PDB file of N, CA and C in Angstrom:
ATOM      1  N   MET A   1      83.182 127.077 113.155  1.00  0.00           N
ATOM      2  CA  MET A   1      84.456 127.559 113.710  1.00  0.00           C
ATOM      3  C   MET A   1      84.905 126.629 114.849  1.00  0.00           C
ATOM      4  N   GLY A   2      83.948 126.276 115.710  1.00  0.00           N
ATOM      5  CA  GLY A   2      84.260 125.386 116.830  1.00  0.00           C
ATOM      6  C   GLY A   2      84.719 124.019 116.365  1.00  0.00           C
ATOM      7  N   HIS A   3      84.085 123.540 115.295  1.00  0.00           N
ATOM      8  CA  HIS A   3      84.445 122.225 114.751  1.00  0.00           C
ATOM      9  C   HIS A   3      85.882 122.242 114.225  1.00  0.00           C
ATOM     10  N   TYR A   4      86.241 123.345 113.555  1.00  0.00           N
ATOM     11  CA  TYR A   4      87.595 123.493 113.017  1.00  0.00           C
ATOM     12  C   TYR A   4      88.624 123.481 114.147  1.00  0.00           C
ATOM     13  N   LEU A   5      88.327 124.211 115.212  1.00  0.00           N
ATOM     14  CA  LEU A   5      89.225 124.291 116.366  1.00  0.00           C
ATOM     15  C   LEU A   5      89.391 122.916 117.004  1.00  0.00           C
ATOM     16  N   GLU A   6      88.285 122.180 117.101  1.00  0.00           N
ATOM     17  CA  GLU A   6      88.304 120.849 117.696  1.00  0.00           C
ATOM     18  C   GLU A   6      89.178 119.900 116.871  1.00  0.00           C
ATOM     19  N   ARG A   7      89.022 119.962 115.552  1.00  0.00           N
ATOM     20  CA  ARG A   7      89.806 119.104 114.662  1.00  0.00           C
ATOM     21  C   ARG A   7      91.291 119.457 114.760  1.00  0.00           C
ATOM     22  N   ASN A   8      91.570 120.759 114.841  1.00  0.00           N
ATOM     23  CA  ASN A   8      92.942 121.226 114.984  1.00  0.00           C
ATOM     24  C   ASN A   8      93.561 120.701 116.275  1.00  0.00           C
ATOM     25  N   PHE A   9      92.754 120.697 117.351  1.00  0.00           N
ATOM     26  CA  PHE A   9      93.204 120.233 118.662  1.00  0.00           C
ATOM     27  C   PHE A   9      93.571 118.754 118.614  1.00  0.00           C
ATOM     28  N   TYR A  10      92.701 117.951 117.978  1.00  0.00           N
ATOM     29  CA  TYR A  10      92.976 116.518 117.867  1.00  0.00           C
ATOM     30  C   TYR A  10      94.235 116.269 117.040  1.00  0.00           C
ATOM     31  N   PHE A  11      94.401 117.045 115.975  1.00  0.00           N
ATOM     32  CA  PHE A  11      95.591 116.921 115.131  1.00  0.00           C
ATOM     33  C   PHE A  11      96.849 117.245 115.936  1.00  0.00           C
ATOM     34  N   PHE A  12      96.776 118.301 116.759  1.00  0.00           N
ATOM     35  CA  PHE A  12      97.900 118.712 117.599  1.00  0.00           C
ATOM     36  C   PHE A  12      98.266 117.618 118.599  1.00  0.00           C
ATOM     37  N   ILE A  13      97.247 117.032 119.244  1.00  0.00           N
ATOM     38  CA  ILE A  13      97.466 115.965 120.221  1.00  0.00           C
ATOM     39  C   ILE A  13      98.097 114.749 119.554  1.00  0.00           C
ATOM     40  N   ARG A  14      97.593 114.404 118.367  1.00  0.00           N
ATOM     41  CA  ARG A  14      98.114 113.247 117.636  1.00  0.00           C
ATOM     42  C   ARG A  14      99.572 113.482 117.241  1.00  0.00           C
ATOM     43  N   THR A  15      99.866 114.701 116.757  1.00  0.00           N
ATOM     44  CA  THR A  15     101.233 115.046 116.376  1.00  0.00           C
ATOM     45  C   THR A  15     102.157 114.977 117.588  1.00  0.00           C
ATOM     46  N   LEU A  16     101.683 115.499 118.720  1.00  0.00           N
ATOM     47  CA  LEU A  16     102.458 115.484 119.959  1.00  0.00           C
ATOM     48  C   LEU A  16     102.771 114.045 120.365  1.00  0.00           C
ATOM     49  N   GLY A  17     101.774 113.173 120.260  1.00  0.00           N
ATOM     50  CA  GLY A  17     101.966 111.758 120.585  1.00  0.00           C
ATOM     51  C   GLY A  17     103.015 111.111 119.699  1.00  0.00           C
ATOM     52  N   ILE A  18     102.976 111.428 118.395  1.00  0.00           N
ATOM     53  CA  ILE A  18     103.953 110.880 117.447  1.00  0.00           C
ATOM     54  C   ILE A  18     105.351 111.372 117.802  1.00  0.00           C
ATOM     55  N   VAL A  19     105.460 112.664 118.118  1.00  0.00           N
ATOM     56  CA  VAL A  19     106.762 113.252 118.471  1.00  0.00           C
ATOM     57  C   VAL A  19     107.341 112.581 119.717  1.00  0.00           C
ATOM     58  N   ILE A  20     106.501 112.371 120.732  1.00  0.00           N
ATOM     59  CA  ILE A  20     106.936 111.708 121.967  1.00  0.00           C
ATOM     60  C   ILE A  20     107.387 110.282 121.666  1.00  0.00           C
ATOM     61  N   CYS A  21     106.603 109.592 120.820  1.00  0.00           N
ATOM     62  CA  CYS A  21     106.926 108.218 120.438  1.00  0.00           C
ATOM     63  C   CYS A  21     108.281 108.168 119.743  1.00  0.00           C
ATOM     64  N   ILE A  22     108.518 109.106 118.818  1.00  0.00           N
ATOM     65  CA  ILE A  22     109.800 109.172 118.101  1.00  0.00           C
ATOM     66  C   ILE A  22     110.932 109.443 119.090  1.00  0.00           C
ATOM     67  N   HIS A  23     110.708 110.371 120.015  1.00  0.00           N
ATOM     68  CA  HIS A  23     111.732 110.732 120.997  1.00  0.00           C
ATOM     69  C   HIS A  23     112.135 109.519 121.834  1.00  0.00           C
ATOM     70  N   ILE A  24     111.146 108.728 122.247  1.00  0.00           N
ATOM     71  CA  ILE A  24     111.416 107.513 123.021  1.00  0.00           C
ATOM     72  C   ILE A  24     112.199 106.516 122.166  1.00  0.00           C
ATOM     73  N   ARG A  25     111.784 106.366 120.916  1.00  0.00           N
ATOM     74  CA  ARG A  25     112.459 105.447 119.990  1.00  0.00           C
ATOM     75  C   ARG A  25     113.914 105.870 119.786  1.00  0.00           C
ATOM     76  N   VAL A  26     114.126 107.176 119.599  1.00  0.00           N
ATOM     77  CA  VAL A  26     115.486 107.699 119.386  1.00  0.00           C
ATOM     78  C   VAL A  26     116.350 107.453 120.622  1.00  0.00           C
ATOM     79  N   SER A  27     115.768 107.666 121.799  1.00  0.00           N
ATOM     80  CA  SER A  27     116.499 107.452 123.051  1.00  0.00           C
ATOM     81  C   SER A  27     116.888 105.984 123.215  1.00  0.00           C
ATOM     82  N   THR A  28     115.969 105.092 122.828  1.00  0.00           N
ATOM     83  CA  THR A  28     116.208 103.661 122.972  1.00  0.00           C
ATOM     84  C   THR A  28     117.137 103.147 121.881  1.00  0.00           C
ATOM     85  N   SER A  29     116.790 103.432 120.629  1.00  0.00           N
ATOM     86  CA  SER A  29     117.570 102.948 119.490  1.00  0.00           C
ATOM     87  C   SER A  29     117.575 103.999 118.381  1.00  0.00           C
ATOM     88  N   PRO A  30     118.676 104.722 118.209  1.00  0.00           N
ATOM     89  CA  PRO A  30     118.758 105.823 117.241  1.00  0.00           C
ATOM     90  C   PRO A  30     118.372 105.428 115.818  1.00  0.00           C
ATOM     91  N   THR A  31     118.808 104.254 115.367  1.00  0.00           N
ATOM     92  CA  THR A  31     118.550 103.864 113.977  1.00  0.00           C
ATOM     93  C   THR A  31     117.058 103.754 113.700  1.00  0.00           C
ATOM     94  N   ILE A  32     116.312 103.143 114.625  1.00  0.00           N
ATOM     95  CA  ILE A  32     114.860 103.005 114.463  1.00  0.00           C
ATOM     96  C   ILE A  32     114.218 104.396 114.428  1.00  0.00           C
ATOM     97  N   GLY A  33     114.650 105.276 115.305  1.00  0.00           N
ATOM     98  CA  GLY A  33     114.106 106.632 115.372  1.00  0.00           C
ATOM     99  C   GLY A  33     114.318 107.396 114.080  1.00  0.00           C
ATOM    100  N   TYR A  34     115.522 107.310 113.526  1.00  0.00           N
ATOM    101  CA  TYR A  34     115.808 108.031 112.287  1.00  0.00           C
ATOM    102  C   TYR A  34     115.063 107.441 111.100  1.00  0.00           C
ATOM    103  N   GLN A  35     114.887 106.122 111.075  1.00  0.00           N
ATOM    104  CA  GLN A  35     114.080 105.493 110.025  1.00  0.00           C
ATOM    105  C   GLN A  35     112.648 106.008 110.102  1.00  0.00           C
ATOM    106  N   PHE A  36     112.138 106.153 111.325  1.00  0.00           N
ATOM    107  CA  PHE A  36     110.784 106.664 111.550  1.00  0.00           C
ATOM    108  C   PHE A  36     110.650 108.086 111.013  1.00  0.00           C
ATOM    109  N   LEU A  37     111.656 108.919 111.302  1.00  0.00           N
ATOM    110  CA  LEU A  37     111.641 110.303 110.825  1.00  0.00           C
ATOM    111  C   LEU A  37     111.646 110.354 109.303  1.00  0.00           C
ATOM    112  N   ILE A  38     112.461 109.516 108.677  1.00  0.00           N
ATOM    113  CA  ILE A  38     112.544 109.472 107.212  1.00  0.00           C
ATOM    114  C   ILE A  38     111.189 109.089 106.614  1.00  0.00           C
ATOM    115  N   ILE A  39     110.530 108.098 107.229  1.00  0.00           N
ATOM    116  CA  ILE A  39     109.218 107.652 106.743  1.00  0.00           C
ATOM    117  C   ILE A  39     108.199 108.791 106.828  1.00  0.00           C
ATOM    118  N   ILE A  40     108.186 109.525 107.949  1.00  0.00           N
ATOM    119  CA  ILE A  40     107.196 110.586 108.158  1.00  0.00           C
ATOM    120  C   ILE A  40     107.444 111.770 107.229  1.00  0.00           C
ATOM    121  N   TYR A  41     108.702 112.204 107.103  1.00  0.00           N
ATOM    122  CA  TYR A  41     108.995 113.418 106.336  1.00  0.00           C
ATOM    123  C   TYR A  41     109.302 113.153 104.864  1.00  0.00           C
ATOM    124  N   ARG A  42     108.955 111.960 104.374  1.00  0.00           N
ATOM    125  CA  ARG A  42     109.192 111.644 102.962  1.00  0.00           C
ATOM    126  C   ARG A  42     108.203 112.409 102.082  1.00  0.00           C
TER     127      ARG A  42
END
């Protein structure tokens, strides 16, 4: 159970990092940000 929670936590942190990265990209250059979103949600 603890191992599952730990893996979930790492996944959450990684997802959060990706979201922040996308947000920065969108703020800097919208086209790059939207291309990134398309790649992830394909």
